[in-house]
Amino acid sequence: MDTSQPLVMSLPARPTREEVARLCAELAAAPPGEARCLVDAGAHGLAAVDALARLALTARRHGHRLTFQGAGPELTALLRLTGLDEVL
């Protein structure tokens, strides 16, 4: 893998446990570096919050600098309400 290019992944609007587990495994397997998660603008609710928190923890554990892009206003508000808005 070319470490000069960030790892890019996509979080769907309604992430399943399997999709989140796959994304976490992809992060864990990649060499440490920049990673970007493109969040579907329709993603909202606690499932999306859980997914973002799991991805952020996995990234931190494996030395990645993970950024999220594209979170809609509902998800952003929910992340602020739960105190997890620093992941954005």
PDB file of N, CA and C in Angstrom:
ATOM      1  N   MET A   1       0.837  -1.180   0.000  1.00  0.00           N
ATOM      2  CA  MET A   1       0.000   0.000   0.000  1.00  0.00           C
ATOM      3  C   MET A   1       0.880   1.241   0.000  1.00  0.00           C
ATOM      4  N   ASP A   2       0.524   2.226  -0.783  1.00  0.00           N
ATOM      5  CA  ASP A   2       1.244   3.491  -0.847  1.00  0.00           C
ATOM      6  C   ASP A   2       0.843   4.334   0.359  1.00  0.00           C
ATOM      7  N   THR A   3       1.755   4.508   1.317  1.00  0.00           N
ATOM      8  CA  THR A   3       1.422   5.238   2.540  1.00  0.00           C
ATOM      9  C   THR A   3       1.382   6.744   2.338  1.00  0.00           C
ATOM     10  N   SER A   4       1.762   7.246   1.156  1.00  0.00           N
ATOM     11  CA  SER A   4       1.658   8.675   0.900  1.00  0.00           C
ATOM     12  C   SER A   4       0.220   9.061   0.588  1.00  0.00           C
ATOM     13  N   GLN A   5      -0.592   8.105   0.224  1.00  0.00           N
ATOM     14  CA  GLN A   5      -2.008   8.338  -0.041  1.00  0.00           C
ATOM     15  C   GLN A   5      -2.813   7.860   1.163  1.00  0.00           C
ATOM     16  N   PRO A   6      -3.803   8.661   1.602  1.00  0.00           N
ATOM     17  CA  PRO A   6      -4.586   8.213   2.756  1.00  0.00           C
ATOM     18  C   PRO A   6      -5.466   7.017   2.404  1.00  0.00           C
ATOM     19  N   LEU A   7      -5.707   6.203   3.400  1.00  0.00           N
ATOM     20  CA  LEU A   7      -6.676   5.126   3.268  1.00  0.00           C
ATOM     21  C   LEU A   7      -8.044   5.794   3.247  1.00  0.00           C
ATOM     22  N   VAL A   8      -8.854   5.497   2.249  1.00  0.00           N
ATOM     23  CA  VAL A   8     -10.182   6.103   2.136  1.00  0.00           C
ATOM     24  C   VAL A   8     -11.223   5.002   2.225  1.00  0.00           C
ATOM     25  N   MET A   9     -12.197   5.210   3.096  1.00  0.00           N
ATOM     26  CA  MET A   9     -13.290   4.253   3.231  1.00  0.00           C
ATOM     27  C   MET A   9     -14.606   5.016   3.319  1.00  0.00           C
ATOM     28  N   SER A  10     -15.701   4.296   3.135  1.00  0.00           N
ATOM     29  CA  SER A  10     -17.019   4.925   3.136  1.00  0.00           C
ATOM     30  C   SER A  10     -17.914   4.294   4.186  1.00  0.00           C
ATOM     31  N   LEU A  11     -18.604   5.142   4.942  1.00  0.00           N
ATOM     32  CA  LEU A  11     -19.579   4.681   5.921  1.00  0.00           C
ATOM     33  C   LEU A  11     -20.963   4.905   5.328  1.00  0.00           C
ATOM     34  N   PRO A  12     -21.738   3.835   5.120  1.00  0.00           N
ATOM     35  CA  PRO A  12     -23.066   3.989   4.522  1.00  0.00           C
ATOM     36  C   PRO A  12     -24.048   4.675   5.472  1.00  0.00           C
ATOM     37  N   ALA A  13     -25.198   5.063   4.935  1.00  0.00           N
ATOM     38  CA  ALA A  13     -26.217   5.756   5.727  1.00  0.00           C
ATOM     39  C   ALA A  13     -26.693   4.917   6.904  1.00  0.00           C
ATOM     40  N   ARG A  14     -26.830   3.625   6.698  1.00  0.00           N
ATOM     41  CA  ARG A  14     -27.281   2.722   7.765  1.00  0.00           C
ATOM     42  C   ARG A  14     -26.258   1.600   7.928  1.00  0.00           C
ATOM     43  N   PRO A  15     -25.174   1.879   8.644  1.00  0.00           N
ATOM     44  CA  PRO A  15     -24.109   0.876   8.767  1.00  0.00           C
ATOM     45  C   PRO A  15     -24.549  -0.329   9.600  1.00  0.00           C
ATOM     46  N   THR A  16     -24.244  -1.519   9.101  1.00  0.00           N
ATOM     47  CA  THR A  16     -24.522  -2.740   9.861  1.00  0.00           C
ATOM     48  C   THR A  16     -23.297  -3.068  10.710  1.00  0.00           C
ATOM     49  N   ARG A  17     -23.477  -3.953  11.671  1.00  0.00           N
ATOM     50  CA  ARG A  17     -22.344  -4.387  12.504  1.00  0.00           C
ATOM     51  C   ARG A  17     -21.250  -5.003  11.640  1.00  0.00           C
ATOM     52  N   GLU A  18     -21.669  -5.765  10.630  1.00  0.00           N
ATOM     53  CA  GLU A  18     -20.698  -6.419   9.747  1.00  0.00           C
ATOM     54  C   GLU A  18     -19.890  -5.394   8.960  1.00  0.00           C
ATOM     55  N   GLU A  19     -20.565  -4.341   8.471  1.00  0.00           N
ATOM     56  CA  GLU A  19     -19.850  -3.300   7.723  1.00  0.00           C
ATOM     57  C   GLU A  19     -18.854  -2.563   8.618  1.00  0.00           C
ATOM     58  N   VAL A  20     -19.273  -2.262   9.838  1.00  0.00           N
ATOM     59  CA  VAL A  20     -18.385  -1.567  10.773  1.00  0.00           C
ATOM     60  C   VAL A  20     -17.204  -2.461  11.130  1.00  0.00           C
ATOM     61  N   ALA A  21     -17.468  -3.746  11.355  1.00  0.00           N
ATOM     62  CA  ALA A  21     -16.381  -4.691  11.663  1.00  0.00           C
ATOM     63  C   ALA A  21     -15.402  -4.782  10.498  1.00  0.00           C
ATOM     64  N   ARG A  22     -15.914  -4.779   9.271  1.00  0.00           N
ATOM     65  CA  ARG A  22     -15.052  -4.837   8.084  1.00  0.00           C
ATOM     66  C   ARG A  22     -14.186  -3.580   7.989  1.00  0.00           C
ATOM     67  N   LEU A  23     -14.780  -2.413   8.225  1.00  0.00           N
ATOM     68  CA  LEU A  23     -14.015  -1.164   8.169  1.00  0.00           C
ATOM     69  C   LEU A  23     -12.954  -1.116   9.266  1.00  0.00           C
ATOM     70  N   CYS A  24     -13.305  -1.589  10.462  1.00  0.00           N
ATOM     71  CA  CYS A  24     -12.330  -1.632  11.560  1.00  0.00           C
ATOM     72  C   CYS A  24     -11.186  -2.582  11.227  1.00  0.00           C
ATOM     73  N   ALA A  25     -11.511  -3.725  10.621  1.00  0.00           N
ATOM     74  CA  ALA A  25     -10.470  -4.687  10.233  1.00  0.00           C
ATOM     75  C   ALA A  25      -9.565  -4.092   9.157  1.00  0.00           C
ATOM     76  N   GLU A  26     -10.151  -3.336   8.241  1.00  0.00           N
ATOM     77  CA  GLU A  26      -9.367  -2.677   7.188  1.00  0.00           C
ATOM     78  C   GLU A  26      -8.389  -1.673   7.809  1.00  0.00           C
ATOM     79  N   LEU A  27      -8.862  -0.911   8.790  1.00  0.00           N
ATOM     80  CA  LEU A  27      -7.987   0.034   9.494  1.00  0.00           C
ATOM     81  C   LEU A  27      -6.876  -0.694  10.239  1.00  0.00           C
ATOM     82  N   ALA A  28      -7.234  -1.762  10.926  1.00  0.00           N
ATOM     83  CA  ALA A  28      -6.257  -2.511  11.719  1.00  0.00           C
ATOM     84  C   ALA A  28      -5.172  -3.123  10.842  1.00  0.00           C
ATOM     85  N   ALA A  29      -5.524  -3.531   9.633  1.00  0.00           N
ATOM     86  CA  ALA A  29      -4.573  -4.194   8.742  1.00  0.00           C
ATOM     87  C   ALA A  29      -3.663  -3.210   8.004  1.00  0.00           C
ATOM     88  N   ALA A  30      -4.084  -1.961   7.894  1.00  0.00           N
ATOM     89  CA  ALA A  30      -3.312  -0.973   7.139  1.00  0.00           C
ATOM     90  C   ALA A  30      -2.159  -0.429   7.979  1.00  0.00           C
ATOM     91  N   PRO A  31      -1.050  -0.073   7.325  1.00  0.00           N
ATOM     92  CA  PRO A  31       0.050   0.546   8.074  1.00  0.00           C
ATOM     93  C   PRO A  31      -0.400   1.907   8.622  1.00  0.00           C
ATOM     94  N   PRO A  32       0.148   2.330   9.757  1.00  0.00           N
ATOM     95  CA  PRO A  32      -0.252   3.604  10.353  1.00  0.00           C
ATOM     96  C   PRO A  32      -0.077   4.759   9.375  1.00  0.00           C
ATOM     97  N   GLY A  33      -1.001   5.690   9.425  1.00  0.00           N
ATOM     98  CA  GLY A  33      -0.923   6.857   8.560  1.00  0.00           C
ATOM     99  C   GLY A  33      -2.256   7.578   8.516  1.00  0.00           C
ATOM    100  N   GLU A  34      -2.416   8.371   7.488  1.00  0.00           N
ATOM    101  CA  GLU A  34      -3.651   9.125   7.300  1.00  0.00           C
ATOM    102  C   GLU A  34      -4.756   8.187   6.838  1.00  0.00           C
ATOM    103  N   ALA A  35      -5.954   8.412   7.359  1.00  0.00           N
ATOM    104  CA  ALA A  35      -7.130   7.657   6.931  1.00  0.00           C
ATOM    105  C   ALA A  35      -8.304   8.627   6.887  1.00  0.00           C
ATOM    106  N   ARG A  36      -9.165   8.429   5.914  1.00  0.00           N
ATOM    107  CA  ARG A  36     -10.314   9.301   5.738  1.00  0.00           C
ATOM    108  C   ARG A  36     -11.557   8.434   5.591  1.00  0.00           C
ATOM    109  N   CYS A  37     -12.603   8.801   6.315  1.00  0.00           N
ATOM    110  CA  CYS A  37     -13.871   8.086   6.213  1.00  0.00           C
ATOM    111  C   CYS A  37     -14.908   9.048   5.653  1.00  0.00           C
ATOM    112  N   LEU A  38     -15.453   8.690   4.516  1.00  0.00           N
ATOM    113  CA  LEU A  38     -16.500   9.487   3.890  1.00  0.00           C
ATOM    114  C   LEU A  38     -17.833   9.007   4.447  1.00  0.00           C
ATOM    115  N   VAL A  39     -18.507   9.880   5.180  1.00  0.00           N
ATOM    116  CA  VAL A  39     -19.758   9.531   5.850  1.00  0.00           C
ATOM    117  C   VAL A  39     -20.920   9.901   4.938  1.00  0.00           C
ATOM    118  N   ASP A  40     -21.796   8.946   4.671  1.00  0.00           N
ATOM    119  CA  ASP A  40     -22.988   9.213   3.872  1.00  0.00           C
ATOM    120  C   ASP A  40     -23.792  10.310   4.564  1.00  0.00           C
ATOM    121  N   ALA A  41     -24.227  11.311   3.819  1.00  0.00           N
ATOM    122  CA  ALA A  41     -24.964  12.437   4.400  1.00  0.00           C
ATOM    123  C   ALA A  41     -26.254  11.986   5.077  1.00  0.00           C
ATOM    124  N   GLY A  42     -26.771  10.818   4.704  1.00  0.00           N
ATOM    125  CA  GLY A  42     -27.991  10.301   5.319  1.00  0.00           C
ATOM    126  C   GLY A  42     -27.749   9.535   6.603  1.00  0.00           C
ATOM    127  N   ALA A  43     -26.492   9.372   6.998  1.00  0.00           N
ATOM    128  CA  ALA A  43     -26.179   8.632   8.227  1.00  0.00           C
ATOM    129  C   ALA A  43     -26.625   9.448   9.434  1.00  0.00           C
ATOM    130  N   HIS A  44     -27.395   8.813  10.296  1.00  0.00           N
ATOM    131  CA  HIS A  44     -27.839   9.469  11.523  1.00  0.00           C
ATOM    132  C   HIS A  44     -28.256   8.398  12.525  1.00  0.00           C
ATOM    133  N   GLY A  45     -28.490   8.796  13.730  1.00  0.00           N
ATOM    134  CA  GLY A  45     -28.920   7.858  14.760  1.00  0.00           C
ATOM    135  C   GLY A  45     -27.753   7.255  15.515  1.00  0.00           C
ATOM    136  N   LEU A  46     -28.114   6.485  16.531  1.00  0.00           N
ATOM    137  CA  LEU A  46     -27.093   5.917  17.408  1.00  0.00           C
ATOM    138  C   LEU A  46     -26.230   4.871  16.719  1.00  0.00           C
ATOM    139  N   ALA A  47     -26.755   4.196  15.698  1.00  0.00           N
ATOM    140  CA  ALA A  47     -25.930   3.224  14.965  1.00  0.00           C
ATOM    141  C   ALA A  47     -24.760   3.932  14.289  1.00  0.00           C
ATOM    142  N   ALA A  48     -25.008   5.103  13.726  1.00  0.00           N
ATOM    143  CA  ALA A  48     -23.933   5.864  13.081  1.00  0.00           C
ATOM    144  C   ALA A  48     -22.946   6.389  14.125  1.00  0.00           C
ATOM    145  N   VAL A  49     -23.453   6.850  15.271  1.00  0.00           N
ATOM    146  CA  VAL A  49     -22.576   7.321  16.349  1.00  0.00           C
ATOM    147  C   VAL A  49     -21.686   6.177  16.821  1.00  0.00           C
ATOM    148  N   ASP A  50     -22.275   5.006  17.025  1.00  0.00           N
ATOM    149  CA  ASP A  50     -21.515   3.828  17.447  1.00  0.00           C
ATOM    150  C   ASP A  50     -20.440   3.488  16.418  1.00  0.00           C
ATOM    151  N   ALA A  51     -20.807   3.523  15.144  1.00  0.00           N
ATOM    152  CA  ALA A  51     -19.851   3.198  14.079  1.00  0.00           C
ATOM    153  C   ALA A  51     -18.677   4.174  14.079  1.00  0.00           C
ATOM    154  N   LEU A  52     -18.966   5.463  14.182  1.00  0.00           N
ATOM    155  CA  LEU A  52     -17.894   6.463  14.179  1.00  0.00           C
ATOM    156  C   LEU A  52     -16.996   6.313  15.404  1.00  0.00           C
ATOM    157  N   ALA A  53     -17.593   6.036  16.552  1.00  0.00           N
ATOM    158  CA  ALA A  53     -16.793   5.851  17.766  1.00  0.00           C
ATOM    159  C   ALA A  53     -15.886   4.628  17.638  1.00  0.00           C
ATOM    160  N   ARG A  54     -16.413   3.529  17.107  1.00  0.00           N
ATOM    161  CA  ARG A  54     -15.606   2.312  16.928  1.00  0.00           C
ATOM    162  C   ARG A  54     -14.456   2.548  15.951  1.00  0.00           C
ATOM    163  N   LEU A  55     -14.754   3.242  14.861  1.00  0.00           N
ATOM    164  CA  LEU A  55     -13.705   3.535  13.881  1.00  0.00           C
ATOM    165  C   LEU A  55     -12.634   4.442  14.490  1.00  0.00           C
ATOM    166  N   ALA A  56     -13.058   5.449  15.242  1.00  0.00           N
ATOM    167  CA  ALA A  56     -12.096   6.365  15.865  1.00  0.00           C
ATOM    168  C   ALA A  56     -11.198   5.625  16.856  1.00  0.00           C
ATOM    169  N   LEU A  57     -11.776   4.736  17.660  1.00  0.00           N
ATOM    170  CA  LEU A  57     -10.976   3.966  18.618  1.00  0.00           C
ATOM    171  C   LEU A  57     -10.006   3.026  17.912  1.00  0.00           C
ATOM    172  N   THR A  58     -10.481   2.354  16.877  1.00  0.00           N
ATOM    173  CA  THR A  58      -9.615   1.441  16.123  1.00  0.00           C
ATOM    174  C   THR A  58      -8.462   2.209  15.490  1.00  0.00           C
ATOM    175  N   ALA A  59      -8.777   3.361  14.906  1.00  0.00           N
ATOM    176  CA  ALA A  59      -7.732   4.172  14.281  1.00  0.00           C
ATOM    177  C   ALA A  59      -6.686   4.584  15.310  1.00  0.00           C
ATOM    178  N   ARG A  60      -7.137   5.034  16.453  1.00  0.00           N
ATOM    179  CA  ARG A  60      -6.212   5.478  17.502  1.00  0.00           C
ATOM    180  C   ARG A  60      -5.318   4.328  17.962  1.00  0.00           C
ATOM    181  N   ARG A  61      -5.911   3.148  18.138  1.00  0.00           N
ATOM    182  CA  ARG A  61      -5.143   1.978  18.596  1.00  0.00           C
ATOM    183  C   ARG A  61      -4.061   1.567  17.608  1.00  0.00           C
ATOM    184  N   HIS A  62      -4.295   1.813  16.324  1.00  0.00           N
ATOM    185  CA  HIS A  62      -3.371   1.343  15.292  1.00  0.00           C
ATOM    186  C   HIS A  62      -2.552   2.468  14.667  1.00  0.00           C
ATOM    187  N   GLY A  63      -2.521   3.629  15.308  1.00  0.00           N
ATOM    188  CA  GLY A  63      -1.645   4.708  14.884  1.00  0.00           C
ATOM    189  C   GLY A  63      -2.093   5.494  13.668  1.00  0.00           C
ATOM    190  N   HIS A  64      -3.392   5.487  13.382  1.00  0.00           N
ATOM    191  CA  HIS A  64      -3.911   6.252  12.238  1.00  0.00           C
ATOM    192  C   HIS A  64      -4.382   7.628  12.685  1.00  0.00           C
ATOM    193  N   ARG A  65      -4.323   8.571  11.775  1.00  0.00           N
ATOM    194  CA  ARG A  65      -4.926   9.880  11.961  1.00  0.00           C
ATOM    195  C   ARG A  65      -6.176   9.876  11.092  1.00  0.00           C
ATOM    196  N   LEU A  66      -7.317   9.607  11.720  1.00  0.00           N
ATOM    197  CA  LEU A  66      -8.573   9.422  10.999  1.00  0.00           C
ATOM    198  C   LEU A  66      -9.396  10.694  11.015  1.00  0.00           C
ATOM    199  N   THR A  67      -9.890  11.070   9.844  1.00  0.00           N
ATOM    200  CA  THR A  67     -10.814  12.190   9.737  1.00  0.00           C
ATOM    201  C   THR A  67     -12.096  11.692   9.095  1.00  0.00           C
ATOM    202  N   PHE A  68     -13.190  12.326   9.469  1.00  0.00           N
ATOM    203  CA  PHE A  68     -14.499  12.001   8.908  1.00  0.00           C
ATOM    204  C   PHE A  68     -14.970  13.189   8.093  1.00  0.00           C
ATOM    205  N   GLN A  69     -15.556  12.898   6.946  1.00  0.00           N
ATOM    206  CA  GLN A  69     -16.065  13.961   6.080  1.00  0.00           C
ATOM    207  C   GLN A  69     -17.481  13.621   5.647  1.00  0.00           C
ATOM    208  N   GLY A  70     -18.338  14.643   5.594  1.00  0.00           N
ATOM    209  CA  GLY A  70     -19.665  14.473   5.025  1.00  0.00           C
ATOM    210  C   GLY A  70     -20.793  14.228   6.003  1.00  0.00           C
ATOM    211  N   ALA A  71     -20.523  14.248   7.308  1.00  0.00           N
ATOM    212  CA  ALA A  71     -21.598  14.010   8.280  1.00  0.00           C
ATOM    213  C   ALA A  71     -22.650  15.105   8.149  1.00  0.00           C
ATOM    214  N   GLY A  72     -23.901  14.689   8.070  1.00  0.00           N
ATOM    215  CA  GLY A  72     -25.003  15.633   7.951  1.00  0.00           C
ATOM    216  C   GLY A  72     -25.306  16.329   9.268  1.00  0.00           C
ATOM    217  N   PRO A  73     -26.214  17.299   9.231  1.00  0.00           N
ATOM    218  CA  PRO A  73     -26.519  18.080  10.432  1.00  0.00           C
ATOM    219  C   PRO A  73     -27.118  17.250  11.572  1.00  0.00           C
ATOM    220  N   GLU A  74     -27.942  16.244  11.251  1.00  0.00           N
ATOM    221  CA  GLU A  74     -28.530  15.410  12.313  1.00  0.00           C
ATOM    222  C   GLU A  74     -27.451  14.629  13.058  1.00  0.00           C
ATOM    223  N   LEU A  75     -26.539  14.023  12.307  1.00  0.00           N
ATOM    224  CA  LEU A  75     -25.471  13.247  12.927  1.00  0.00           C
ATOM    225  C   LEU A  75     -24.525  14.156  13.702  1.00  0.00           C
ATOM    226  N   THR A  76     -24.206  15.302  13.149  1.00  0.00           N
ATOM    227  CA  THR A  76     -23.330  16.256  13.831  1.00  0.00           C
ATOM    228  C   THR A  76     -23.949  16.695  15.157  1.00  0.00           C
ATOM    229  N   ALA A  77     -25.254  16.988  15.147  1.00  0.00           N
ATOM    230  CA  ALA A  77     -25.941  17.395  16.377  1.00  0.00           C
ATOM    231  C   ALA A  77     -25.938  16.268  17.405  1.00  0.00           C
ATOM    232  N   LEU A  78     -26.163  15.039  16.965  1.00  0.00           N
ATOM    233  CA  LEU A  78     -26.172  13.900  17.882  1.00  0.00           C
ATOM    234  C   LEU A  78     -24.781  13.654  18.465  1.00  0.00           C
ATOM    235  N   LEU A  79     -23.752  13.816  17.647  1.00  0.00           N
ATOM    236  CA  LEU A  79     -22.382  13.669  18.148  1.00  0.00           C
ATOM    237  C   LEU A  79     -22.069  14.740  19.195  1.00  0.00           C
ATOM    238  N   ARG A  80     -22.544  15.952  18.970  1.00  0.00           N
ATOM    239  CA  ARG A  80     -22.336  17.020  19.964  1.00  0.00           C
ATOM    240  C   ARG A  80     -23.072  16.688  21.259  1.00  0.00           C
ATOM    241  N   LEU A  81     -24.293  16.208  21.126  1.00  0.00           N
ATOM    242  CA  LEU A  81     -25.107  15.872  22.292  1.00  0.00           C
ATOM    243  C   LEU A  81     -24.458  14.778  23.133  1.00  0.00           C
ATOM    244  N   THR A  82     -23.815  13.822  22.485  1.00  0.00           N
ATOM    245  CA  THR A  82     -23.182  12.711  23.197  1.00  0.00           C
ATOM    246  C   THR A  82     -21.743  13.014  23.609  1.00  0.00           C
ATOM    247  N   GLY A  83     -21.230  14.179  23.206  1.00  0.00           N
ATOM    248  CA  GLY A  83     -19.859  14.541  23.557  1.00  0.00           C
ATOM    249  C   GLY A  83     -18.813  13.903  22.663  1.00  0.00           C
ATOM    250  N   LEU A  84     -19.231  13.364  21.527  1.00  0.00           N
ATOM    251  CA  LEU A  84     -18.300  12.690  20.619  1.00  0.00           C
ATOM    252  C   LEU A  84     -17.983  13.517  19.377  1.00  0.00           C
ATOM    253  N   ASP A  85     -18.288  14.801  19.407  1.00  0.00           N
ATOM    254  CA  ASP A  85     -18.091  15.627  18.217  1.00  0.00           C
ATOM    255  C   ASP A  85     -16.632  15.828  17.853  1.00  0.00           C
ATOM    256  N   GLU A  86     -15.687  15.483  18.741  1.00  0.00           N
ATOM    257  CA  GLU A  86     -14.268  15.626  18.394  1.00  0.00           C
ATOM    258  C   GLU A  86     -13.847  14.654  17.301  1.00  0.00           C
ATOM    259  N   VAL A  87     -14.661  13.636  17.003  1.00  0.00           N
ATOM    260  CA  VAL A  87     -14.281  12.702  15.940  1.00  0.00           C
ATOM    261  C   VAL A  87     -14.463  13.314  14.561  1.00  0.00           C
ATOM    262  N   LEU A  88     -15.199  14.428  14.472  1.00  0.00           N
ATOM    263  CA  LEU A  88     -15.419  15.050  13.158  1.00  0.00           C
ATOM    264  C   LEU A  88     -14.279  15.951  12.768  1.00  0.00           C
TER     265      LEU A  88
END
